Amino acid sequence: MSHRRAYRAALTAALVAAGALALSACTDGGTSGGGGQTNFVTNTGGISTVAKADRKPIAKIAGKTLDNKELDVADLKGKIVVLNTWGSWCPPCRAEAPAFAKVAKETKADGVEFVGLNTRDFNKGPAVAFEEDYEVPYPSLYDPKGKLIAGGFPKGTLIPSAIPSTVVLDRDGKVAARSLKALSEKELRSMVDPLIAEK
C-alpha cells in the first residue's frame, strides 16, 4: 500500500470514528459519569442521586442566554436548580421538552428554578424556535461549544456528550441528582420533589 493510500485509509477511519461520536452524542441514556469518585447512587431507572453529606458544589456556570441576557447560576443559590443540557437538533430533547416546561411552571412556587444549557446549536435561530415551540418558560445559557458544560461540573457529574442530560442542585448549590437520558414528567419529579421536601 502506498503512503497516499495509507494516509487516505487512516483519514477515512478517523472521519468514521468522529461521525460515530457525533451520532452517539444525542443519546437517550448512559450509565457512566466519567472518571473520579462521584458518590452517585444509581437507580435502575438511570437516575442517580447523592446523599446530602456527599454532595459537591458546581464550578462557575455563567454566560449569555439565548435572548442575550447575563445569567449566573450562582445567583440562584437558595433555590433548587434544574440544569438541563439540550440541543434543538436532538430528538430526545424534543421528547422531554413538554415535561420540563410543565414541571418548571408547577414547581416555581416551591423555589425551583430551571436553566437550560443549549449546546451544539451553532446558530441561535433553531434553539430560539425550539423554546417558542415548546413554550419553555425558563432561560437557557447559550453554550454552542460545550465550554460551560465541560468546565462547570465536578469530575464525573455530567458527560458533556450525553445530550440530553439533567443535573439538579440543592438549595446550597450542590449536585444532588443527575440523569443522562431524556426524562418523563414522573422521572423529573422524582429528582425534584425530594429536594423540595428537604429541610
N, C-alpha and C. Protein backbone atom coordinates (compact mmCIF):
# COMPACT_ATOMS: atom_id res chain seq x y z
N MET A 1 0.85 -1.18 0.00
CA MET A 1 0.00 0.00 0.00
C MET A 1 0.89 1.24 0.00
N SER A 2 0.61 2.18 -0.87
CA SER A 2 1.42 3.39 -0.96
C SER A 2 1.13 4.29 0.25
N HIS A 3 2.03 5.27 0.45
CA HIS A 3 1.84 6.21 1.57
C HIS A 3 0.54 6.99 1.42
N ARG A 4 0.22 7.35 0.17
CA ARG A 4 -1.00 8.11 -0.07
C ARG A 4 -2.24 7.29 0.28
N ARG A 5 -2.24 5.99 -0.12
CA ARG A 5 -3.38 5.12 0.22
C ARG A 5 -3.48 4.91 1.72
N ALA A 6 -2.35 4.71 2.36
CA ALA A 6 -2.34 4.52 3.82
C ALA A 6 -2.88 5.77 4.51
N TYR A 7 -2.49 6.94 4.02
CA TYR A 7 -2.96 8.20 4.60
C TYR A 7 -4.48 8.32 4.43
N ARG A 8 -4.96 8.00 3.20
CA ARG A 8 -6.41 8.08 2.95
C ARG A 8 -7.19 7.10 3.83
N ALA A 9 -6.65 5.90 4.00
CA ALA A 9 -7.31 4.90 4.84
C ALA A 9 -7.39 5.39 6.28
N ALA A 10 -6.28 5.97 6.77
CA ALA A 10 -6.26 6.48 8.15
C ALA A 10 -7.23 7.65 8.30
N LEU A 11 -7.25 8.53 7.30
CA LEU A 11 -8.15 9.67 7.34
C LEU A 11 -9.61 9.22 7.33
N THR A 12 -9.93 8.24 6.49
CA THR A 12 -11.29 7.71 6.43
C THR A 12 -11.70 7.09 7.76
N ALA A 13 -10.79 6.33 8.37
CA ALA A 13 -11.10 5.72 9.67
C ALA A 13 -11.35 6.79 10.72
N ALA A 14 -10.55 7.86 10.70
CA ALA A 14 -10.72 8.94 11.67
C ALA A 14 -12.05 9.65 11.48
N LEU A 15 -12.45 9.87 10.21
CA LEU A 15 -13.73 10.52 9.94
C LEU A 15 -14.90 9.66 10.36
N VAL A 16 -14.80 8.36 10.12
CA VAL A 16 -15.86 7.43 10.55
C VAL A 16 -15.99 7.45 12.07
N ALA A 17 -14.85 7.43 12.77
CA ALA A 17 -14.89 7.46 14.24
C ALA A 17 -15.50 8.76 14.73
N ALA A 18 -15.13 9.89 14.11
CA ALA A 18 -15.69 11.18 14.51
C ALA A 18 -17.19 11.22 14.26
N GLY A 19 -17.62 10.67 13.14
CA GLY A 19 -19.04 10.64 12.83
C GLY A 19 -19.82 9.80 13.83
N ALA A 20 -19.25 8.66 14.21
CA ALA A 20 -19.91 7.79 15.20
C ALA A 20 -20.04 8.52 16.53
N LEU A 21 -19.00 9.25 16.91
CA LEU A 21 -19.04 10.00 18.16
C LEU A 21 -20.13 11.07 18.10
N ALA A 22 -20.22 11.76 16.97
CA ALA A 22 -21.24 12.80 16.83
C ALA A 22 -22.63 12.21 16.89
N LEU A 23 -22.84 11.06 16.25
CA LEU A 23 -24.15 10.43 16.27
C LEU A 23 -24.52 9.94 17.65
N SER A 24 -23.54 9.49 18.44
CA SER A 24 -23.84 8.98 19.77
C SER A 24 -24.06 10.10 20.77
N ALA A 25 -23.77 11.35 20.37
CA ALA A 25 -23.87 12.46 21.31
C ALA A 25 -25.30 12.67 21.76
N CYS A 26 -26.26 12.58 20.86
CA CYS A 26 -27.65 12.75 21.23
C CYS A 26 -28.16 11.38 21.62
N THR A 27 -28.18 11.11 22.90
CA THR A 27 -28.48 9.77 23.37
C THR A 27 -29.62 9.81 24.36
N ASP A 28 -30.32 8.72 24.48
CA ASP A 28 -31.40 8.68 25.46
C ASP A 28 -31.00 7.90 26.69
N GLY A 29 -29.72 7.73 26.89
CA GLY A 29 -29.31 7.02 28.08
C GLY A 29 -27.83 7.09 28.27
N GLY A 30 -27.35 6.38 29.26
CA GLY A 30 -25.95 6.38 29.60
C GLY A 30 -25.83 5.93 31.03
N THR A 31 -24.76 5.24 31.34
CA THR A 31 -24.65 4.72 32.69
C THR A 31 -23.45 5.24 33.44
N SER A 32 -22.44 5.76 32.74
CA SER A 32 -21.27 6.19 33.47
C SER A 32 -21.22 7.69 33.52
N GLY A 33 -20.47 8.21 34.48
CA GLY A 33 -20.39 9.65 34.63
C GLY A 33 -18.99 10.16 34.50
N GLY A 34 -18.11 9.46 33.84
CA GLY A 34 -16.73 9.91 33.73
C GLY A 34 -15.91 9.38 34.87
N GLY A 35 -14.66 9.73 34.90
CA GLY A 35 -13.77 9.21 35.92
C GLY A 35 -13.95 9.91 37.24
N GLY A 36 -13.32 9.37 38.27
CA GLY A 36 -13.33 10.00 39.58
C GLY A 36 -14.46 9.49 40.44
N GLN A 37 -14.36 9.79 41.74
CA GLN A 37 -15.38 9.38 42.70
C GLN A 37 -16.54 10.35 42.64
N THR A 38 -17.70 9.89 42.28
CA THR A 38 -18.85 10.78 42.13
C THR A 38 -19.80 10.74 43.31
N ASN A 39 -19.77 9.67 44.12
CA ASN A 39 -20.70 9.48 45.23
C ASN A 39 -22.14 9.28 44.76
N PHE A 40 -22.34 9.04 43.46
CA PHE A 40 -23.68 8.82 42.96
C PHE A 40 -24.15 7.41 43.28
N VAL A 41 -25.43 7.30 43.60
CA VAL A 41 -26.08 6.01 43.74
C VAL A 41 -27.08 5.94 42.60
N THR A 42 -26.90 4.99 41.70
CA THR A 42 -27.74 4.93 40.51
C THR A 42 -28.94 4.03 40.73
N ASN A 43 -30.11 4.55 40.44
CA ASN A 43 -31.33 3.76 40.49
C ASN A 43 -31.41 2.95 39.20
N THR A 44 -32.29 1.97 39.17
CA THR A 44 -32.44 1.17 37.96
C THR A 44 -32.98 2.00 36.81
N GLY A 45 -33.66 3.10 37.10
CA GLY A 45 -34.23 3.94 36.05
C GLY A 45 -33.24 4.89 35.41
N GLY A 46 -31.97 4.80 35.75
CA GLY A 46 -30.98 5.67 35.13
C GLY A 46 -30.88 7.04 35.76
N ILE A 47 -31.50 7.24 36.92
CA ILE A 47 -31.39 8.50 37.64
C ILE A 47 -30.51 8.25 38.85
N SER A 48 -29.51 9.12 39.01
CA SER A 48 -28.56 8.97 40.10
C SER A 48 -28.77 10.07 41.12
N THR A 49 -28.58 9.73 42.39
CA THR A 49 -28.72 10.71 43.47
C THR A 49 -27.47 10.69 44.35
N VAL A 50 -27.29 11.76 45.10
CA VAL A 50 -26.16 11.86 46.01
C VAL A 50 -26.69 12.14 47.41
N ALA A 51 -26.20 11.41 48.39
CA ALA A 51 -26.59 11.68 49.78
C ALA A 51 -26.17 13.10 50.14
N LYS A 52 -26.95 13.75 50.99
CA LYS A 52 -26.73 15.16 51.30
C LYS A 52 -25.29 15.42 51.77
N ALA A 53 -24.76 14.54 52.58
CA ALA A 53 -23.41 14.74 53.12
C ALA A 53 -22.30 14.62 52.09
N ASP A 54 -22.60 13.97 50.96
CA ASP A 54 -21.57 13.71 49.94
C ASP A 54 -21.65 14.64 48.73
N ARG A 55 -22.55 15.59 48.73
CA ARG A 55 -22.74 16.45 47.56
C ARG A 55 -21.60 17.44 47.39
N LYS A 56 -21.32 17.75 46.11
CA LYS A 56 -20.26 18.70 45.77
C LYS A 56 -20.85 19.90 45.04
N PRO A 57 -20.27 21.09 45.27
CA PRO A 57 -20.75 22.26 44.54
C PRO A 57 -20.28 22.24 43.09
N ILE A 58 -21.00 22.94 42.25
CA ILE A 58 -20.57 23.09 40.87
C ILE A 58 -19.55 24.22 40.78
N ALA A 59 -18.82 24.25 39.69
CA ALA A 59 -17.95 25.40 39.41
C ALA A 59 -18.83 26.50 38.81
N LYS A 60 -18.21 27.55 38.33
CA LYS A 60 -18.97 28.67 37.79
C LYS A 60 -19.64 28.29 36.47
N ILE A 61 -20.94 28.51 36.41
CA ILE A 61 -21.70 28.35 35.18
C ILE A 61 -22.43 29.66 34.96
N ALA A 62 -21.91 30.45 34.05
CA ALA A 62 -22.46 31.78 33.79
C ALA A 62 -22.18 32.17 32.35
N GLY A 63 -23.03 33.03 31.83
CA GLY A 63 -22.82 33.50 30.46
C GLY A 63 -24.06 34.19 29.95
N LYS A 64 -24.18 34.23 28.64
CA LYS A 64 -25.33 34.88 27.99
C LYS A 64 -26.38 33.85 27.64
N THR A 65 -27.62 34.24 27.82
CA THR A 65 -28.73 33.36 27.47
C THR A 65 -29.04 33.51 25.98
N LEU A 66 -29.95 32.68 25.52
CA LEU A 66 -30.36 32.75 24.12
C LEU A 66 -30.95 34.11 23.75
N ASP A 67 -31.52 34.81 24.76
CA ASP A 67 -32.06 36.14 24.48
C ASP A 67 -31.10 37.25 24.92
N ASN A 68 -29.80 36.89 25.01
CA ASN A 68 -28.71 37.86 25.23
C ASN A 68 -28.70 38.51 26.60
N LYS A 69 -29.24 37.85 27.62
CA LYS A 69 -29.18 38.36 28.99
C LYS A 69 -28.08 37.62 29.74
N GLU A 70 -27.49 38.29 30.72
CA GLU A 70 -26.48 37.66 31.56
C GLU A 70 -27.16 36.77 32.59
N LEU A 71 -26.60 35.58 32.81
CA LEU A 71 -27.13 34.67 33.82
C LEU A 71 -25.98 33.95 34.50
N ASP A 72 -25.99 33.98 35.83
CA ASP A 72 -25.00 33.25 36.63
C ASP A 72 -25.78 32.32 37.55
N VAL A 73 -25.56 31.03 37.43
CA VAL A 73 -26.29 30.05 38.24
C VAL A 73 -26.03 30.27 39.73
N ALA A 74 -24.87 30.82 40.08
CA ALA A 74 -24.56 31.09 41.50
C ALA A 74 -25.57 32.05 42.12
N ASP A 75 -26.16 32.92 41.31
CA ASP A 75 -27.15 33.87 41.83
C ASP A 75 -28.45 33.18 42.25
N LEU A 76 -28.60 31.91 41.89
CA LEU A 76 -29.81 31.15 42.23
C LEU A 76 -29.66 30.35 43.51
N LYS A 77 -28.52 30.50 44.20
CA LYS A 77 -28.31 29.76 45.45
C LYS A 77 -29.44 30.08 46.41
N GLY A 78 -29.89 29.06 47.12
CA GLY A 78 -31.06 29.19 47.97
C GLY A 78 -32.30 28.61 47.31
N LYS A 79 -32.20 28.38 45.99
CA LYS A 79 -33.26 27.73 45.23
C LYS A 79 -32.77 26.34 44.81
N ILE A 80 -33.70 25.48 44.48
CA ILE A 80 -33.36 24.21 43.83
C ILE A 80 -33.22 24.55 42.34
N VAL A 81 -32.13 24.12 41.71
CA VAL A 81 -31.90 24.48 40.32
C VAL A 81 -31.80 23.22 39.46
N VAL A 82 -32.60 23.18 38.43
CA VAL A 82 -32.59 22.09 37.46
C VAL A 82 -31.84 22.58 36.22
N LEU A 83 -30.70 21.96 35.94
CA LEU A 83 -29.89 22.31 34.77
C LEU A 83 -30.08 21.23 33.71
N ASN A 84 -30.63 21.62 32.59
CA ASN A 84 -30.93 20.66 31.52
C ASN A 84 -30.12 21.00 30.28
N THR A 85 -29.27 20.07 29.86
CA THR A 85 -28.47 20.23 28.65
C THR A 85 -29.26 19.72 27.46
N TRP A 86 -29.39 20.56 26.43
CA TRP A 86 -30.24 20.19 25.29
C TRP A 86 -29.73 20.85 24.01
N GLY A 87 -30.23 20.33 22.90
CA GLY A 87 -29.97 20.93 21.59
C GLY A 87 -31.22 20.81 20.75
N SER A 88 -31.48 21.79 19.91
CA SER A 88 -32.70 21.76 19.08
C SER A 88 -32.68 20.61 18.09
N TRP A 89 -31.50 20.10 17.77
CA TRP A 89 -31.29 19.05 16.78
C TRP A 89 -31.50 17.65 17.37
N CYS A 90 -31.77 17.57 18.67
CA CYS A 90 -31.76 16.30 19.41
C CYS A 90 -33.18 15.78 19.63
N PRO A 91 -33.59 14.66 18.98
CA PRO A 91 -34.95 14.14 19.15
C PRO A 91 -35.33 13.84 20.61
N PRO A 92 -34.46 13.22 21.45
CA PRO A 92 -34.86 13.01 22.84
C PRO A 92 -35.09 14.32 23.59
N CYS A 93 -34.38 15.38 23.20
CA CYS A 93 -34.60 16.69 23.84
C CYS A 93 -36.00 17.19 23.52
N ARG A 94 -36.42 17.00 22.29
CA ARG A 94 -37.78 17.41 21.91
C ARG A 94 -38.81 16.56 22.65
N ALA A 95 -38.50 15.29 22.85
CA ALA A 95 -39.45 14.40 23.54
C ALA A 95 -39.67 14.82 24.99
N GLU A 96 -38.61 15.29 25.66
CA GLU A 96 -38.75 15.63 27.08
C GLU A 96 -39.16 17.08 27.32
N ALA A 97 -39.09 17.92 26.30
CA ALA A 97 -39.35 19.36 26.47
C ALA A 97 -40.71 19.68 27.10
N PRO A 98 -41.82 19.03 26.67
CA PRO A 98 -43.11 19.36 27.30
C PRO A 98 -43.14 19.07 28.80
N ALA A 99 -42.49 17.98 29.22
CA ALA A 99 -42.44 17.65 30.65
C ALA A 99 -41.66 18.70 31.42
N PHE A 100 -40.54 19.16 30.86
CA PHE A 100 -39.73 20.17 31.53
C PHE A 100 -40.49 21.48 31.66
N ALA A 101 -41.18 21.89 30.59
CA ALA A 101 -41.95 23.13 30.64
C ALA A 101 -43.05 23.04 31.70
N LYS A 102 -43.72 21.90 31.76
CA LYS A 102 -44.82 21.72 32.71
C LYS A 102 -44.31 21.72 34.16
N VAL A 103 -43.27 20.94 34.43
CA VAL A 103 -42.76 20.84 35.80
C VAL A 103 -42.14 22.17 36.24
N ALA A 104 -41.50 22.89 35.32
CA ALA A 104 -40.94 24.20 35.66
C ALA A 104 -42.03 25.15 36.15
N LYS A 105 -43.17 25.15 35.46
CA LYS A 105 -44.28 26.02 35.86
C LYS A 105 -44.87 25.57 37.20
N GLU A 106 -45.01 24.25 37.38
CA GLU A 106 -45.66 23.72 38.58
C GLU A 106 -44.81 23.89 39.84
N THR A 107 -43.49 23.91 39.71
CA THR A 107 -42.63 23.91 40.90
C THR A 107 -42.02 25.28 41.21
N LYS A 108 -42.27 26.28 40.40
CA LYS A 108 -41.67 27.60 40.63
C LYS A 108 -42.04 28.14 42.01
N ALA A 109 -43.29 27.96 42.41
CA ALA A 109 -43.74 28.45 43.72
C ALA A 109 -43.07 27.70 44.88
N ASP A 110 -42.49 26.53 44.58
CA ASP A 110 -41.79 25.75 45.61
C ASP A 110 -40.30 26.11 45.66
N GLY A 111 -39.89 27.14 44.94
CA GLY A 111 -38.49 27.55 44.98
C GLY A 111 -37.60 26.78 44.03
N VAL A 112 -38.16 26.31 42.92
CA VAL A 112 -37.38 25.57 41.93
C VAL A 112 -37.19 26.46 40.70
N GLU A 113 -35.95 26.58 40.25
CA GLU A 113 -35.63 27.34 39.04
C GLU A 113 -35.03 26.39 38.02
N PHE A 114 -35.43 26.53 36.79
CA PHE A 114 -34.89 25.74 35.69
C PHE A 114 -33.97 26.62 34.85
N VAL A 115 -32.85 26.04 34.40
CA VAL A 115 -31.94 26.73 33.50
C VAL A 115 -31.53 25.72 32.42
N GLY A 116 -31.73 26.08 31.18
CA GLY A 116 -31.28 25.24 30.08
C GLY A 116 -29.83 25.54 29.75
N LEU A 117 -29.14 24.54 29.25
CA LEU A 117 -27.79 24.70 28.71
C LEU A 117 -27.86 24.26 27.26
N ASN A 118 -28.06 25.21 26.37
CA ASN A 118 -28.20 24.88 24.96
C ASN A 118 -26.82 24.67 24.35
N THR A 119 -26.62 23.53 23.71
CA THR A 119 -25.31 23.23 23.15
C THR A 119 -25.41 22.68 21.73
N ARG A 120 -24.34 22.88 20.99
CA ARG A 120 -24.18 22.40 19.62
C ARG A 120 -25.17 22.98 18.63
N ASP A 121 -25.88 24.03 19.03
CA ASP A 121 -26.66 24.82 18.09
C ASP A 121 -25.77 26.00 17.72
N PHE A 122 -25.08 25.91 16.61
CA PHE A 122 -24.11 26.94 16.25
C PHE A 122 -24.77 28.17 15.65
N ASN A 123 -26.07 28.10 15.46
CA ASN A 123 -26.88 29.24 15.06
C ASN A 123 -28.01 29.29 16.09
N LYS A 124 -28.25 30.45 16.68
CA LYS A 124 -29.27 30.56 17.73
C LYS A 124 -30.69 30.35 17.22
N GLY A 125 -30.93 30.58 15.94
CA GLY A 125 -32.28 30.53 15.40
C GLY A 125 -33.05 29.27 15.74
N PRO A 126 -32.52 28.07 15.45
CA PRO A 126 -33.26 26.85 15.77
C PRO A 126 -33.49 26.67 17.28
N ALA A 127 -32.55 27.11 18.10
CA ALA A 127 -32.70 26.99 19.55
C ALA A 127 -33.82 27.90 20.06
N VAL A 128 -33.86 29.13 19.54
CA VAL A 128 -34.91 30.07 19.93
C VAL A 128 -36.27 29.53 19.47
N ALA A 129 -36.33 28.98 18.26
CA ALA A 129 -37.58 28.40 17.75
C ALA A 129 -38.03 27.22 18.61
N PHE A 130 -37.06 26.40 19.05
CA PHE A 130 -37.35 25.27 19.93
C PHE A 130 -38.04 25.77 21.20
N GLU A 131 -37.48 26.80 21.82
CA GLU A 131 -38.06 27.33 23.07
C GLU A 131 -39.47 27.88 22.83
N GLU A 132 -39.67 28.52 21.69
CA GLU A 132 -41.01 29.04 21.37
C GLU A 132 -41.99 27.91 21.12
N ASP A 133 -41.57 26.91 20.34
CA ASP A 133 -42.45 25.78 20.01
C ASP A 133 -42.93 25.04 21.24
N TYR A 134 -42.03 24.86 22.21
CA TYR A 134 -42.38 24.09 23.41
C TYR A 134 -42.76 24.98 24.59
N GLU A 135 -42.89 26.28 24.35
CA GLU A 135 -43.29 27.24 25.38
C GLU A 135 -42.44 27.08 26.64
N VAL A 136 -41.13 27.03 26.45
CA VAL A 136 -40.19 26.87 27.56
C VAL A 136 -40.21 28.15 28.39
N PRO A 137 -40.57 28.05 29.69
CA PRO A 137 -40.76 29.26 30.50
C PRO A 137 -39.51 29.73 31.25
N TYR A 138 -38.36 29.15 30.95
CA TYR A 138 -37.14 29.48 31.68
C TYR A 138 -36.01 29.77 30.69
N PRO A 139 -34.96 30.45 31.16
CA PRO A 139 -33.86 30.82 30.26
C PRO A 139 -32.92 29.65 29.97
N SER A 140 -32.21 29.77 28.86
CA SER A 140 -31.17 28.81 28.52
C SER A 140 -29.89 29.56 28.22
N LEU A 141 -28.80 29.15 28.87
CA LEU A 141 -27.49 29.67 28.54
C LEU A 141 -27.09 29.13 27.17
N TYR A 142 -26.52 29.98 26.37
CA TYR A 142 -26.10 29.59 25.03
C TYR A 142 -24.65 29.11 25.10
N ASP A 143 -24.46 27.81 24.87
CA ASP A 143 -23.15 27.17 25.04
C ASP A 143 -22.86 26.27 23.84
N PRO A 144 -22.73 26.86 22.64
CA PRO A 144 -22.63 26.03 21.44
C PRO A 144 -21.45 25.07 21.42
N LYS A 145 -20.35 25.44 22.04
CA LYS A 145 -19.16 24.58 22.04
C LYS A 145 -19.05 23.71 23.29
N GLY A 146 -20.00 23.80 24.21
CA GLY A 146 -19.99 22.95 25.40
C GLY A 146 -18.97 23.35 26.46
N LYS A 147 -18.47 24.59 26.42
CA LYS A 147 -17.45 25.01 27.39
C LYS A 147 -18.00 25.07 28.81
N LEU A 148 -19.23 25.59 28.96
CA LEU A 148 -19.83 25.67 30.29
C LEU A 148 -20.07 24.28 30.86
N ILE A 149 -20.51 23.38 29.99
CA ILE A 149 -20.81 22.02 30.42
C ILE A 149 -19.52 21.32 30.85
N ALA A 150 -18.49 21.45 30.05
CA ALA A 150 -17.23 20.75 30.33
C ALA A 150 -16.54 21.29 31.57
N GLY A 151 -16.64 22.60 31.82
CA GLY A 151 -15.89 23.19 32.92
C GLY A 151 -16.68 23.45 34.17
N GLY A 152 -17.99 23.29 34.12
CA GLY A 152 -18.82 23.71 35.24
C GLY A 152 -19.15 22.68 36.29
N PHE A 153 -18.87 21.41 35.99
CA PHE A 153 -19.32 20.36 36.90
C PHE A 153 -18.15 19.61 37.50
N PRO A 154 -18.28 19.13 38.76
CA PRO A 154 -17.23 18.30 39.34
C PRO A 154 -17.00 17.06 38.49
N LYS A 155 -15.79 16.54 38.50
CA LYS A 155 -15.43 15.38 37.70
C LYS A 155 -16.43 14.25 37.95
N GLY A 156 -16.96 13.71 36.85
CA GLY A 156 -17.89 12.59 36.95
C GLY A 156 -19.34 13.00 37.05
N THR A 157 -19.64 14.30 37.21
CA THR A 157 -21.01 14.73 37.41
C THR A 157 -21.84 14.64 36.15
N LEU A 158 -21.28 15.03 35.03
CA LEU A 158 -22.04 15.10 33.79
C LEU A 158 -21.14 14.79 32.62
N ILE A 159 -21.62 13.97 31.69
CA ILE A 159 -20.85 13.69 30.48
C ILE A 159 -21.32 14.70 29.43
N PRO A 160 -20.44 15.62 29.02
CA PRO A 160 -20.89 16.63 28.06
C PRO A 160 -21.43 16.06 26.76
N SER A 161 -21.03 14.85 26.37
CA SER A 161 -21.51 14.29 25.11
C SER A 161 -22.86 13.59 25.25
N ALA A 162 -23.36 13.44 26.47
CA ALA A 162 -24.67 12.81 26.67
C ALA A 162 -25.73 13.89 26.66
N ILE A 163 -26.45 13.99 25.59
CA ILE A 163 -27.47 15.01 25.45
C ILE A 163 -28.78 14.33 25.07
N PRO A 164 -29.86 14.54 25.81
CA PRO A 164 -29.99 15.43 26.95
C PRO A 164 -29.41 14.86 28.23
N SER A 165 -29.04 15.74 29.12
CA SER A 165 -28.62 15.39 30.47
C SER A 165 -29.25 16.40 31.41
N THR A 166 -29.48 15.96 32.63
CA THR A 166 -30.08 16.85 33.63
C THR A 166 -29.33 16.70 34.95
N VAL A 167 -28.98 17.82 35.54
CA VAL A 167 -28.36 17.85 36.86
C VAL A 167 -29.22 18.75 37.74
N VAL A 168 -29.52 18.28 38.95
CA VAL A 168 -30.33 19.06 39.88
C VAL A 168 -29.46 19.45 41.08
N LEU A 169 -29.46 20.75 41.37
CA LEU A 169 -28.70 21.28 42.50
C LEU A 169 -29.63 21.50 43.69
N ASP A 170 -29.14 21.22 44.88
CA ASP A 170 -29.92 21.51 46.08
C ASP A 170 -29.85 23.01 46.39
N ARG A 171 -30.44 23.42 47.49
CA ARG A 171 -30.51 24.84 47.82
C ARG A 171 -29.14 25.43 48.16
N ASP A 172 -28.15 24.58 48.43
CA ASP A 172 -26.79 25.04 48.70
C ASP A 172 -25.94 25.10 47.44
N GLY A 173 -26.55 24.85 46.28
CA GLY A 173 -25.81 24.88 45.02
C GLY A 173 -24.96 23.65 44.79
N LYS A 174 -25.30 22.54 45.46
CA LYS A 174 -24.54 21.30 45.32
C LYS A 174 -25.32 20.29 44.48
N VAL A 175 -24.58 19.45 43.75
CA VAL A 175 -25.20 18.45 42.88
C VAL A 175 -25.86 17.36 43.71
N ALA A 176 -27.18 17.23 43.54
CA ALA A 176 -27.95 16.26 44.32
C ALA A 176 -28.47 15.10 43.48
N ALA A 177 -28.65 15.33 42.19
CA ALA A 177 -29.19 14.27 41.32
C ALA A 177 -28.78 14.55 39.89
N ARG A 178 -28.74 13.49 39.08
CA ARG A 178 -28.45 13.66 37.67
C ARG A 178 -29.06 12.52 36.87
N SER A 179 -29.31 12.81 35.61
CA SER A 179 -29.78 11.81 34.67
C SER A 179 -29.08 12.05 33.35
N LEU A 180 -28.73 10.98 32.67
CA LEU A 180 -28.07 11.07 31.37
C LEU A 180 -28.97 10.52 30.28
N LYS A 181 -30.26 10.85 30.38
CA LYS A 181 -31.24 10.39 29.39
C LYS A 181 -32.40 11.38 29.35
N ALA A 182 -33.26 11.21 28.38
CA ALA A 182 -34.49 12.01 28.33
C ALA A 182 -35.39 11.58 29.48
N LEU A 183 -36.08 12.54 30.07
CA LEU A 183 -36.89 12.26 31.26
C LEU A 183 -38.38 12.47 30.99
N SER A 184 -39.18 11.61 31.60
CA SER A 184 -40.62 11.82 31.61
C SER A 184 -40.95 12.80 32.75
N GLU A 185 -42.18 13.26 32.78
CA GLU A 185 -42.61 14.15 33.87
C GLU A 185 -42.43 13.46 35.23
N LYS A 186 -42.81 12.20 35.30
CA LYS A 186 -42.70 11.45 36.56
C LYS A 186 -41.24 11.33 36.99
N GLU A 187 -40.35 11.03 36.06
CA GLU A 187 -38.93 10.89 36.39
C GLU A 187 -38.33 12.22 36.84
N LEU A 188 -38.71 13.28 36.17
CA LEU A 188 -38.20 14.60 36.56
C LEU A 188 -38.69 14.96 37.96
N ARG A 189 -39.95 14.70 38.24
CA ARG A 189 -40.48 14.98 39.59
C ARG A 189 -39.77 14.14 40.64
N SER A 190 -39.35 12.92 40.27
CA SER A 190 -38.65 12.06 41.23
C SER A 190 -37.29 12.63 41.62
N MET A 191 -36.73 13.50 40.77
CA MET A 191 -35.46 14.16 41.08
C MET A 191 -35.67 15.44 41.88
N VAL A 192 -36.77 16.12 41.61
CA VAL A 192 -37.00 17.44 42.19
C VAL A 192 -37.76 17.37 43.52
N ASP A 193 -38.79 16.55 43.58
CA ASP A 193 -39.66 16.53 44.77
C ASP A 193 -38.94 16.23 46.08
N PRO A 194 -37.99 15.27 46.11
CA PRO A 194 -37.28 15.03 47.38
C PRO A 194 -36.49 16.25 47.85
N LEU A 195 -35.99 17.06 46.92
CA LEU A 195 -35.25 18.26 47.30
C LEU A 195 -36.18 19.35 47.80
N ILE A 196 -37.38 19.42 47.25
CA ILE A 196 -38.39 20.37 47.75
C ILE A 196 -38.70 20.02 49.20
N ALA A 197 -38.75 18.73 49.50
CA ALA A 197 -39.10 18.28 50.86
C ALA A 197 -37.95 18.42 51.85
N GLU A 198 -36.71 18.56 51.37
CA GLU A 198 -35.57 18.67 52.26
C GLU A 198 -35.64 19.94 53.10
N LYS A 199 -35.19 19.81 54.34
CA LYS A 199 -35.12 20.98 55.24
C LYS A 199 -33.67 21.35 55.47
